[in-house]
Amino acid sequence: MILTEDRARELALDWVEAWNTHNLDRIMSHYAEDVILISPVAAQLLNEPSGTVTGKEALRNYFKKGLEVYPDLKFELLDVMWGLSSVVLYYINQKGTKAGEFMEVSSTGKVTKVVAHYNG
């Protein structure tokens, strides 16, 4: 599956809305079973220097912890960039920090890899 602009925007809008409603099941619906996430926030929250979370169940536990630690979590989508099989979501979080998440998307439309970046 080649990722189209429409599909990338649809993914981005649904992803942001899922996070903004704190609906963990809806958030998790975007991810493949074998997903890998690499994030400085994961390194901090999980006390894991590599910041790597592997597998959907581990990712669910990490996101659950994140929602508990940041009860006012909210994202404002600034831009969506897409490639043939990837998307970059550029947004501001509840602390005013800008973030960019590179996501590889499988042929089934599920996210298989995330690399998160922050400006502060």
Protein backbone atom coordinates (compact mmCIF):
# COMPACT_ATOMS: atom_id res chain seq x y z
CA MET A 1 0.00 0.00 0.00
CA ILE A 2 1.32 3.41 -0.95
CA LEU A 3 0.36 6.04 1.59
CA THR A 4 -1.68 8.83 0.02
CA GLU A 5 -2.08 12.39 1.29
CA ASP A 6 -5.70 11.68 2.23
CA ARG A 7 -4.82 8.53 4.17
CA ALA A 8 -1.93 10.29 5.94
CA ARG A 9 -4.19 13.16 7.01
CA GLU A 10 -6.92 10.74 8.10
CA LEU A 11 -4.40 8.83 10.23
CA ALA A 12 -3.05 12.04 11.75
CA LEU A 13 -6.44 13.50 12.62
CA ASP A 14 -7.71 10.25 14.15
CA TRP A 15 -4.45 9.78 16.08
CA VAL A 16 -4.64 13.30 17.58
CA GLU A 17 -8.32 12.92 18.44
CA ALA A 18 -7.65 9.55 20.11
CA TRP A 19 -4.93 11.10 22.26
CA ASN A 20 -6.99 14.20 23.06
CA THR A 21 -9.87 12.05 24.30
CA HIS A 22 -7.42 9.80 26.22
CA ASN A 23 -9.07 6.75 24.64
CA LEU A 24 -6.35 4.12 25.02
CA ASP A 25 -8.11 1.50 22.89
CA ARG A 26 -8.53 4.01 20.07
CA ILE A 27 -4.90 5.11 20.40
CA MET A 28 -3.73 1.51 20.22
CA SER A 29 -5.85 0.79 17.13
CA HIS A 30 -3.22 2.61 15.06
CA TYR A 31 -0.35 0.26 15.92
CA ALA A 32 0.82 -3.13 14.63
CA GLU A 33 1.53 -6.00 17.03
CA ASP A 34 5.28 -5.80 16.38
CA VAL A 35 5.54 -2.01 16.69
CA ILE A 36 8.76 -0.37 17.87
CA LEU A 37 8.76 3.11 19.42
CA ILE A 38 11.87 5.15 20.20
CA SER A 39 11.35 8.27 22.28
CA PRO A 40 13.18 10.48 24.79
CA VAL A 41 9.96 10.56 26.83
CA ALA A 42 9.93 6.76 26.95
CA ALA A 43 13.54 6.85 28.17
CA GLN A 44 12.49 9.16 30.99
CA LEU A 45 9.16 7.58 32.00
CA LEU A 46 10.38 4.00 31.78
CA ASN A 47 13.88 4.64 33.08
CA GLU A 48 15.15 2.93 29.93
CA PRO A 49 18.18 4.74 28.45
CA SER A 50 17.49 3.50 24.90
CA GLY A 51 13.97 4.92 24.98
CA THR A 52 12.82 1.86 23.04
CA VAL A 53 9.45 0.20 23.52
CA THR A 54 8.94 -3.06 21.61
CA GLY A 55 5.59 -4.73 20.93
CA LYS A 56 2.01 -3.58 21.19
CA GLU A 57 1.45 -4.72 24.78
CA ALA A 58 4.55 -2.90 26.03
CA LEU A 59 3.49 0.15 24.04
CA ARG A 60 0.03 0.03 25.61
CA ASN A 61 1.59 -0.06 29.09
CA TYR A 62 3.85 2.89 28.23
CA PHE A 63 0.97 4.94 26.83
CA LYS A 64 -1.17 4.09 29.87
CA LYS A 65 1.58 5.37 32.14
CA GLY A 66 1.95 8.50 30.00
CA LEU A 67 -1.76 9.27 30.29
CA GLU A 68 -1.52 8.85 34.07
CA VAL A 69 1.57 11.06 34.38
CA TYR A 70 0.12 13.73 32.06
CA PRO A 71 -3.62 13.88 32.87
CA ASP A 72 -3.94 17.17 30.94
CA LEU A 73 -2.25 15.73 27.84
CA LYS A 74 -3.47 17.39 24.65
CA PHE A 75 -2.03 17.69 21.16
CA GLU A 76 -2.57 20.40 18.54
CA LEU A 77 -1.69 19.17 15.07
CA LEU A 78 0.42 21.68 13.13
CA ASP A 79 1.33 19.73 10.00
CA VAL A 80 1.30 16.31 8.35
CA MET A 81 4.02 15.17 5.97
CA TRP A 82 3.82 11.86 4.14
CA GLY A 83 6.03 9.58 2.11
CA LEU A 84 5.32 6.36 0.27
CA SER A 85 5.04 4.31 3.47
CA SER A 86 5.60 6.80 6.27
CA VAL A 87 4.15 9.91 7.84
CA VAL A 88 5.49 12.67 10.07
CA LEU A 89 3.09 14.30 12.50
CA TYR A 90 4.19 17.72 13.72
CA TYR A 91 2.29 18.98 16.76
CA ILE A 92 2.39 20.98 19.99
CA ASN A 93 1.67 19.22 23.27
CA GLN A 94 0.00 20.51 26.45
CA LYS A 95 3.29 21.99 27.69
CA GLY A 96 3.79 24.00 24.50
CA THR A 97 6.58 21.69 23.35
CA LYS A 98 6.79 21.07 19.62
CA ALA A 99 7.07 17.43 18.63
CA GLY A 100 7.59 15.49 15.43
CA GLU A 101 6.81 11.80 15.18
CA PHE A 102 8.09 9.80 12.21
CA MET A 103 5.87 6.75 11.69
CA GLU A 104 6.40 3.87 9.30
CA VAL A 105 3.09 2.48 8.12
CA SER A 106 2.58 -1.11 6.95
CA SER A 107 0.58 -2.25 3.95
CA THR A 108 -2.34 -2.84 6.35
CA GLY A 109 -2.28 0.78 7.48
CA LYS A 110 -0.87 0.05 10.94
CA VAL A 111 2.10 1.90 12.41
CA THR A 112 5.13 -0.40 12.73
CA LYS A 113 7.79 2.06 13.88
CA VAL A 114 7.74 5.43 15.61
CA VAL A 115 10.68 7.74 16.22
CA ALA A 116 9.68 10.74 18.36
CA HIS A 117 11.49 14.07 18.44
CA TYR A 118 10.97 17.11 20.71
CA ASN A 119 12.22 20.68 20.79
CA GLY A 120 12.27 21.05 24.55
